[in-house]
Amino acid sequence: MNVYVDSSVVLRRLLREPGAFERWSDWDWAVSSELLRVEAYRAIDRLRVMRSMVDEEVAHAVAVFRSLTRVFEIVPIRPLVLERAASAFPTVVGTRSAIHLASALLWVEEHKVALVFLTHDEQQARAAMACGLDVQSAP
């Protein structure tokens, strides 16, 4: 199985939140947007600033993030991705979701390979399905 992994999936696992996707070994190939790195590091830094994470936890979270994503193919946020993200979608999506969806859709078009879109975000899952992607929402 080839998957597109959105930030919600990685962050829920990274922050040890309930309902995190556990079957990381189920896929053959993982793809995500360059946005994933920005969202993960912003989340970690926000928790550090709010004093919800001490230095040791921050270092551990960064190491876990790198470990989780080292095998991901990262789709750069290039002008074509931004153009696609700015276009209309069949359902309501926010900016970050639009960038993730545009990245996944363009990757599928360019590689001619199907992806399963993994997300914890219900609105993003609906949009991905409406765009023709197979979706797997973790609980």
N, C-alpha and C. Protein backbone atom coordinates (compact mmCIF):
# COMPACT_ATOMS: atom_id res chain seq x y z
N MET A 1 0.84 -1.17 0.00
CA MET A 1 0.00 0.00 0.00
C MET A 1 0.89 1.24 0.00
N ASN A 2 0.56 2.19 -0.85
CA ASN A 2 1.24 3.48 -0.91
C ASN A 2 0.35 4.51 -0.23
N VAL A 3 0.93 5.33 0.65
CA VAL A 3 0.12 6.25 1.43
C VAL A 3 0.63 7.67 1.34
N TYR A 4 -0.32 8.60 1.45
CA TYR A 4 0.00 10.00 1.70
C TYR A 4 -0.33 10.22 3.16
N VAL A 5 0.63 10.70 3.92
CA VAL A 5 0.47 10.89 5.36
C VAL A 5 0.37 12.38 5.65
N ASP A 6 -0.78 12.81 6.16
CA ASP A 6 -0.90 14.23 6.48
C ASP A 6 -0.35 14.48 7.89
N SER A 7 -0.20 15.73 8.24
CA SER A 7 0.44 16.10 9.50
C SER A 7 -0.30 15.58 10.72
N SER A 8 -1.62 15.50 10.67
CA SER A 8 -2.38 15.05 11.84
C SER A 8 -1.98 13.64 12.25
N VAL A 9 -1.66 12.80 11.29
CA VAL A 9 -1.27 11.41 11.58
C VAL A 9 0.08 11.37 12.29
N VAL A 10 1.03 12.12 11.79
CA VAL A 10 2.36 12.14 12.40
C VAL A 10 2.32 12.81 13.76
N LEU A 11 1.61 13.93 13.87
CA LEU A 11 1.57 14.64 15.15
C LEU A 11 0.88 13.83 16.24
N ARG A 12 -0.19 13.15 15.89
CA ARG A 12 -0.88 12.34 16.91
C ARG A 12 0.04 11.23 17.42
N ARG A 13 0.80 10.64 16.54
CA ARG A 13 1.75 9.59 16.93
C ARG A 13 2.91 10.19 17.73
N LEU A 14 3.44 11.29 17.23
CA LEU A 14 4.58 11.96 17.86
C LEU A 14 4.26 12.41 19.28
N LEU A 15 3.07 12.94 19.47
CA LEU A 15 2.68 13.49 20.77
C LEU A 15 1.95 12.47 21.65
N ARG A 16 1.95 11.20 21.18
CA ARG A 16 1.36 10.09 21.93
C ARG A 16 -0.08 10.36 22.35
N GLU A 17 -0.85 10.89 21.39
CA GLU A 17 -2.26 11.17 21.65
C GLU A 17 -3.09 9.91 21.39
N PRO A 18 -4.24 9.81 22.04
CA PRO A 18 -5.10 8.63 21.84
C PRO A 18 -5.58 8.51 20.40
N GLY A 19 -5.73 7.28 19.95
CA GLY A 19 -6.25 7.03 18.61
C GLY A 19 -5.23 7.19 17.50
N ALA A 20 -3.96 7.22 17.84
CA ALA A 20 -2.91 7.39 16.83
C ALA A 20 -2.87 6.17 15.91
N PHE A 21 -2.56 6.43 14.66
CA PHE A 21 -2.41 5.37 13.66
C PHE A 21 -1.23 4.50 14.08
N GLU A 22 -1.45 3.21 14.16
CA GLU A 22 -0.42 2.30 14.67
C GLU A 22 0.23 1.45 13.58
N ARG A 23 -0.40 1.29 12.45
CA ARG A 23 0.07 0.32 11.45
C ARG A 23 1.06 0.95 10.46
N TRP A 24 2.15 1.51 10.99
CA TRP A 24 3.13 2.18 10.14
C TRP A 24 3.82 1.22 9.19
N SER A 25 3.86 -0.03 9.53
CA SER A 25 4.54 -1.01 8.66
C SER A 25 3.63 -1.54 7.57
N ASP A 26 2.37 -1.09 7.52
CA ASP A 26 1.42 -1.57 6.51
C ASP A 26 1.68 -1.01 5.12
N TRP A 27 2.50 -0.01 5.01
CA TRP A 27 2.66 0.61 3.71
C TRP A 27 4.01 0.29 3.08
N ASP A 28 4.02 0.37 1.74
CA ASP A 28 5.25 0.16 0.97
C ASP A 28 5.96 1.48 0.73
N TRP A 29 5.17 2.54 0.54
CA TRP A 29 5.73 3.83 0.17
C TRP A 29 4.93 4.91 0.89
N ALA A 30 5.59 5.90 1.48
CA ALA A 30 4.92 7.00 2.18
C ALA A 30 5.33 8.33 1.57
N VAL A 31 4.34 9.18 1.37
CA VAL A 31 4.54 10.49 0.76
C VAL A 31 3.90 11.52 1.68
N SER A 32 4.49 12.69 1.75
CA SER A 32 3.87 13.80 2.47
C SER A 32 4.38 15.11 1.88
N SER A 33 3.77 16.17 2.31
CA SER A 33 4.16 17.50 1.87
C SER A 33 5.30 18.04 2.72
N GLU A 34 6.05 18.92 2.14
CA GLU A 34 7.07 19.66 2.86
C GLU A 34 6.43 20.40 4.06
N LEU A 35 5.15 20.66 3.97
CA LEU A 35 4.40 21.31 5.04
C LEU A 35 4.46 20.50 6.33
N LEU A 36 4.57 19.19 6.22
CA LEU A 36 4.63 18.32 7.39
C LEU A 36 5.73 18.75 8.36
N ARG A 37 6.90 19.02 7.83
CA ARG A 37 8.03 19.42 8.68
C ARG A 37 7.73 20.72 9.41
N VAL A 38 7.17 21.68 8.70
CA VAL A 38 6.84 22.97 9.30
C VAL A 38 5.81 22.78 10.41
N GLU A 39 4.75 22.03 10.13
CA GLU A 39 3.70 21.83 11.13
C GLU A 39 4.22 21.08 12.36
N ALA A 40 5.05 20.09 12.15
CA ALA A 40 5.58 19.31 13.28
C ALA A 40 6.48 20.18 14.16
N TYR A 41 7.41 20.90 13.54
CA TYR A 41 8.32 21.72 14.34
C TYR A 41 7.59 22.88 15.01
N ARG A 42 6.56 23.42 14.37
CA ARG A 42 5.78 24.49 15.01
C ARG A 42 5.04 23.93 16.23
N ALA A 43 4.48 22.73 16.10
CA ALA A 43 3.76 22.11 17.22
C ALA A 43 4.70 21.85 18.39
N ILE A 44 5.87 21.32 18.09
CA ILE A 44 6.85 21.04 19.15
C ILE A 44 7.29 22.34 19.82
N ASP A 45 7.58 23.36 19.02
CA ASP A 45 8.03 24.63 19.58
C ASP A 45 6.92 25.30 20.39
N ARG A 46 5.68 25.21 19.92
CA ARG A 46 4.55 25.79 20.66
C ARG A 46 4.43 25.13 22.04
N LEU A 47 4.58 23.80 22.09
CA LEU A 47 4.52 23.11 23.37
C LEU A 47 5.69 23.49 24.28
N ARG A 48 6.85 23.72 23.68
CA ARG A 48 8.03 24.15 24.46
C ARG A 48 7.79 25.53 25.06
N VAL A 49 7.29 26.45 24.24
CA VAL A 49 7.06 27.82 24.70
C VAL A 49 5.97 27.86 25.78
N MET A 50 4.98 27.02 25.63
CA MET A 50 3.89 26.96 26.62
C MET A 50 4.30 26.16 27.86
N ARG A 51 5.53 25.71 27.86
CA ARG A 51 6.10 24.93 28.97
C ARG A 51 5.38 23.60 29.19
N SER A 52 4.82 23.07 28.10
CA SER A 52 4.22 21.74 28.17
C SER A 52 5.26 20.67 27.86
N MET A 53 6.42 21.10 27.36
CA MET A 53 7.53 20.20 27.07
C MET A 53 8.80 20.81 27.62
N VAL A 54 9.59 19.98 28.29
CA VAL A 54 10.92 20.42 28.74
C VAL A 54 11.93 20.04 27.67
N ASP A 55 13.15 20.52 27.82
CA ASP A 55 14.18 20.32 26.80
C ASP A 55 14.36 18.86 26.40
N GLU A 56 14.37 17.96 27.36
CA GLU A 56 14.56 16.54 27.06
C GLU A 56 13.42 16.02 26.18
N GLU A 57 12.20 16.46 26.48
CA GLU A 57 11.04 16.03 25.69
C GLU A 57 11.08 16.61 24.29
N VAL A 58 11.54 17.85 24.17
CA VAL A 58 11.67 18.48 22.86
C VAL A 58 12.68 17.70 22.02
N ALA A 59 13.83 17.41 22.60
CA ALA A 59 14.87 16.66 21.89
C ALA A 59 14.34 15.29 21.47
N HIS A 60 13.62 14.63 22.35
CA HIS A 60 13.05 13.31 22.04
C HIS A 60 12.02 13.43 20.92
N ALA A 61 11.16 14.43 20.99
CA ALA A 61 10.12 14.61 19.96
C ALA A 61 10.75 14.87 18.59
N VAL A 62 11.78 15.67 18.54
CA VAL A 62 12.46 15.94 17.27
C VAL A 62 13.10 14.66 16.73
N ALA A 63 13.73 13.89 17.60
CA ALA A 63 14.34 12.62 17.17
C ALA A 63 13.29 11.65 16.66
N VAL A 64 12.16 11.55 17.35
CA VAL A 64 11.09 10.65 16.92
C VAL A 64 10.52 11.11 15.59
N PHE A 65 10.32 12.43 15.43
CA PHE A 65 9.82 12.95 14.16
C PHE A 65 10.75 12.57 13.02
N ARG A 66 12.03 12.78 13.20
CA ARG A 66 13.00 12.42 12.15
C ARG A 66 12.97 10.93 11.85
N SER A 67 12.85 10.13 12.88
CA SER A 67 12.79 8.68 12.69
C SER A 67 11.53 8.26 11.93
N LEU A 68 10.39 8.83 12.31
CA LEU A 68 9.12 8.48 11.67
C LEU A 68 9.10 8.86 10.19
N THR A 69 9.74 9.96 9.86
CA THR A 69 9.60 10.51 8.51
C THR A 69 10.82 10.31 7.62
N ARG A 70 11.84 9.65 8.11
CA ARG A 70 13.06 9.54 7.30
C ARG A 70 12.85 8.78 5.99
N VAL A 71 11.85 7.93 5.93
CA VAL A 71 11.61 7.17 4.70
C VAL A 71 10.52 7.80 3.82
N PHE A 72 9.97 8.92 4.25
CA PHE A 72 8.93 9.58 3.46
C PHE A 72 9.53 10.25 2.22
N GLU A 73 8.79 10.17 1.12
CA GLU A 73 9.11 11.03 -0.02
C GLU A 73 8.41 12.35 0.25
N ILE A 74 9.16 13.43 0.21
CA ILE A 74 8.60 14.74 0.53
C ILE A 74 8.31 15.51 -0.77
N VAL A 75 7.05 15.96 -0.89
CA VAL A 75 6.64 16.76 -2.04
C VAL A 75 6.94 18.22 -1.71
N PRO A 76 7.80 18.87 -2.49
CA PRO A 76 8.12 20.27 -2.22
C PRO A 76 6.91 21.17 -2.45
N ILE A 77 6.84 22.24 -1.69
CA ILE A 77 5.78 23.22 -1.91
C ILE A 77 6.26 24.16 -3.02
N ARG A 78 6.03 23.72 -4.24
CA ARG A 78 6.46 24.48 -5.41
C ARG A 78 5.26 25.25 -5.96
N PRO A 79 5.48 26.14 -6.92
CA PRO A 79 4.37 26.94 -7.46
C PRO A 79 3.18 26.11 -7.94
N LEU A 80 3.43 24.96 -8.55
CA LEU A 80 2.33 24.12 -9.04
C LEU A 80 1.45 23.63 -7.88
N VAL A 81 2.06 23.29 -6.77
CA VAL A 81 1.30 22.86 -5.59
C VAL A 81 0.46 24.01 -5.07
N LEU A 82 1.05 25.20 -4.98
CA LEU A 82 0.31 26.36 -4.49
C LEU A 82 -0.82 26.74 -5.43
N GLU A 83 -0.58 26.61 -6.73
CA GLU A 83 -1.63 26.91 -7.71
C GLU A 83 -2.79 25.93 -7.54
N ARG A 84 -2.48 24.66 -7.40
CA ARG A 84 -3.53 23.65 -7.21
C ARG A 84 -4.26 23.86 -5.89
N ALA A 85 -3.52 24.20 -4.84
CA ALA A 85 -4.13 24.44 -3.53
C ALA A 85 -5.04 25.66 -3.54
N ALA A 86 -4.73 26.62 -4.37
CA ALA A 86 -5.54 27.84 -4.45
C ALA A 86 -6.81 27.65 -5.28
N SER A 87 -6.86 26.57 -6.04
CA SER A 87 -8.03 26.33 -6.90
C SER A 87 -9.19 25.79 -6.07
N ALA A 88 -10.34 25.67 -6.69
CA ALA A 88 -11.54 25.20 -6.00
C ALA A 88 -11.44 23.71 -5.68
N PHE A 89 -12.01 23.32 -4.55
CA PHE A 89 -12.13 21.94 -4.15
C PHE A 89 -13.62 21.61 -4.04
N PRO A 90 -13.98 20.34 -4.16
CA PRO A 90 -15.40 19.99 -4.12
C PRO A 90 -16.06 20.16 -2.75
N THR A 91 -15.25 20.26 -1.70
CA THR A 91 -15.78 20.49 -0.35
C THR A 91 -14.94 21.57 0.31
N VAL A 92 -15.35 21.99 1.48
CA VAL A 92 -14.64 23.04 2.22
C VAL A 92 -13.31 22.49 2.74
N VAL A 93 -12.24 23.24 2.49
CA VAL A 93 -10.92 22.90 3.05
C VAL A 93 -10.20 24.19 3.41
N GLY A 94 -9.39 24.10 4.45
CA GLY A 94 -8.55 25.23 4.84
C GLY A 94 -7.25 25.22 4.04
N THR A 95 -6.43 26.21 4.27
CA THR A 95 -5.19 26.37 3.52
C THR A 95 -4.24 25.18 3.69
N ARG A 96 -3.98 24.79 4.92
CA ARG A 96 -3.05 23.67 5.14
C ARG A 96 -3.57 22.38 4.51
N SER A 97 -4.86 22.13 4.68
CA SER A 97 -5.45 20.93 4.07
C SER A 97 -5.37 21.00 2.55
N ALA A 98 -5.58 22.17 2.00
CA ALA A 98 -5.50 22.33 0.54
C ALA A 98 -4.10 22.03 0.04
N ILE A 99 -3.09 22.43 0.79
CA ILE A 99 -1.70 22.14 0.39
C ILE A 99 -1.43 20.64 0.47
N HIS A 100 -1.90 19.99 1.52
CA HIS A 100 -1.74 18.54 1.62
C HIS A 100 -2.48 17.83 0.47
N LEU A 101 -3.72 18.22 0.22
CA LEU A 101 -4.48 17.59 -0.86
C LEU A 101 -3.85 17.84 -2.22
N ALA A 102 -3.44 19.06 -2.47
CA ALA A 102 -2.80 19.38 -3.75
C ALA A 102 -1.53 18.56 -3.92
N SER A 103 -0.75 18.42 -2.86
CA SER A 103 0.49 17.64 -2.92
C SER A 103 0.19 16.19 -3.27
N ALA A 104 -0.81 15.61 -2.61
CA ALA A 104 -1.18 14.21 -2.86
C ALA A 104 -1.69 14.03 -4.28
N LEU A 105 -2.59 14.91 -4.72
CA LEU A 105 -3.18 14.79 -6.06
C LEU A 105 -2.13 14.95 -7.15
N LEU A 106 -1.24 15.90 -6.99
CA LEU A 106 -0.18 16.09 -8.00
C LEU A 106 0.78 14.92 -8.01
N TRP A 107 1.10 14.36 -6.83
CA TRP A 107 1.98 13.20 -6.78
C TRP A 107 1.36 12.03 -7.53
N VAL A 108 0.07 11.80 -7.33
CA VAL A 108 -0.64 10.72 -8.03
C VAL A 108 -0.60 10.96 -9.53
N GLU A 109 -0.88 12.18 -9.96
CA GLU A 109 -0.86 12.50 -11.39
C GLU A 109 0.52 12.30 -11.99
N GLU A 110 1.56 12.72 -11.29
CA GLU A 110 2.92 12.64 -11.81
C GLU A 110 3.47 11.21 -11.81
N HIS A 111 3.11 10.42 -10.83
CA HIS A 111 3.67 9.06 -10.70
C HIS A 111 2.75 7.96 -11.23
N LYS A 112 1.50 8.31 -11.48
CA LYS A 112 0.52 7.32 -11.99
C LYS A 112 0.41 6.12 -11.04
N VAL A 113 0.47 6.40 -9.76
CA VAL A 113 0.37 5.38 -8.72
C VAL A 113 -0.69 5.83 -7.72
N ALA A 114 -1.56 4.91 -7.33
CA ALA A 114 -2.60 5.24 -6.36
C ALA A 114 -2.01 5.41 -4.96
N LEU A 115 -2.62 6.30 -4.20
CA LEU A 115 -2.25 6.53 -2.81
C LEU A 115 -3.48 6.39 -1.93
N VAL A 116 -3.28 5.90 -0.73
CA VAL A 116 -4.31 5.97 0.30
C VAL A 116 -3.97 7.19 1.14
N PHE A 117 -4.92 8.09 1.30
CA PHE A 117 -4.72 9.33 2.04
C PHE A 117 -5.02 9.06 3.51
N LEU A 118 -4.01 9.19 4.38
CA LEU A 118 -4.18 8.96 5.81
C LEU A 118 -4.35 10.29 6.52
N THR A 119 -5.40 10.40 7.32
CA THR A 119 -5.65 11.62 8.07
C THR A 119 -6.50 11.34 9.29
N HIS A 120 -6.40 12.19 10.29
CA HIS A 120 -7.30 12.17 11.44
C HIS A 120 -8.33 13.30 11.31
N ASP A 121 -8.19 14.14 10.32
CA ASP A 121 -9.04 15.31 10.13
C ASP A 121 -10.26 14.94 9.28
N GLU A 122 -11.44 14.98 9.87
CA GLU A 122 -12.65 14.55 9.17
C GLU A 122 -12.96 15.41 7.95
N GLN A 123 -12.79 16.71 8.07
CA GLN A 123 -13.05 17.61 6.94
C GLN A 123 -12.09 17.33 5.79
N GLN A 124 -10.84 17.12 6.13
CA GLN A 124 -9.84 16.81 5.10
C GLN A 124 -10.12 15.44 4.48
N ALA A 125 -10.57 14.49 5.27
CA ALA A 125 -10.91 13.16 4.75
C ALA A 125 -12.05 13.27 3.74
N ARG A 126 -13.08 14.06 4.05
CA ARG A 126 -14.20 14.25 3.11
C ARG A 126 -13.71 14.88 1.82
N ALA A 127 -12.85 15.88 1.93
CA ALA A 127 -12.33 16.56 0.75
C ALA A 127 -11.49 15.60 -0.10
N ALA A 128 -10.66 14.80 0.54
CA ALA A 128 -9.83 13.84 -0.19
C ALA A 128 -10.70 12.82 -0.92
N MET A 129 -11.74 12.33 -0.25
CA MET A 129 -12.66 11.39 -0.90
C MET A 129 -13.36 12.06 -2.08
N ALA A 130 -13.79 13.30 -1.89
CA ALA A 130 -14.47 14.03 -2.96
C ALA A 130 -13.54 14.27 -4.15
N CYS A 131 -12.24 14.29 -3.89
CA CYS A 131 -11.25 14.47 -4.97
C CYS A 131 -10.86 13.14 -5.61
N GLY A 132 -11.45 12.05 -5.14
CA GLY A 132 -11.20 10.75 -5.75
C GLY A 132 -10.11 9.93 -5.11
N LEU A 133 -9.60 10.36 -3.96
CA LEU A 133 -8.56 9.60 -3.27
C LEU A 133 -9.21 8.56 -2.35
N ASP A 134 -8.55 7.42 -2.21
CA ASP A 134 -8.94 6.47 -1.18
C ASP A 134 -8.47 7.06 0.14
N VAL A 135 -9.30 6.99 1.16
CA VAL A 135 -8.99 7.62 2.44
C VAL A 135 -9.07 6.60 3.55
N GLN A 136 -8.14 6.70 4.45
CA GLN A 136 -8.18 5.90 5.65
C GLN A 136 -8.03 6.88 6.81
N SER A 137 -9.10 7.02 7.57
CA SER A 137 -9.07 7.90 8.74
C SER A 137 -8.81 7.05 9.95
N ALA A 138 -7.76 7.37 10.64
CA ALA A 138 -7.48 6.65 11.88
C ALA A 138 -8.51 7.07 12.91
N PRO A 139 -8.82 6.20 13.86
CA PRO A 139 -9.85 6.52 14.86
C PRO A 139 -9.51 7.73 15.68
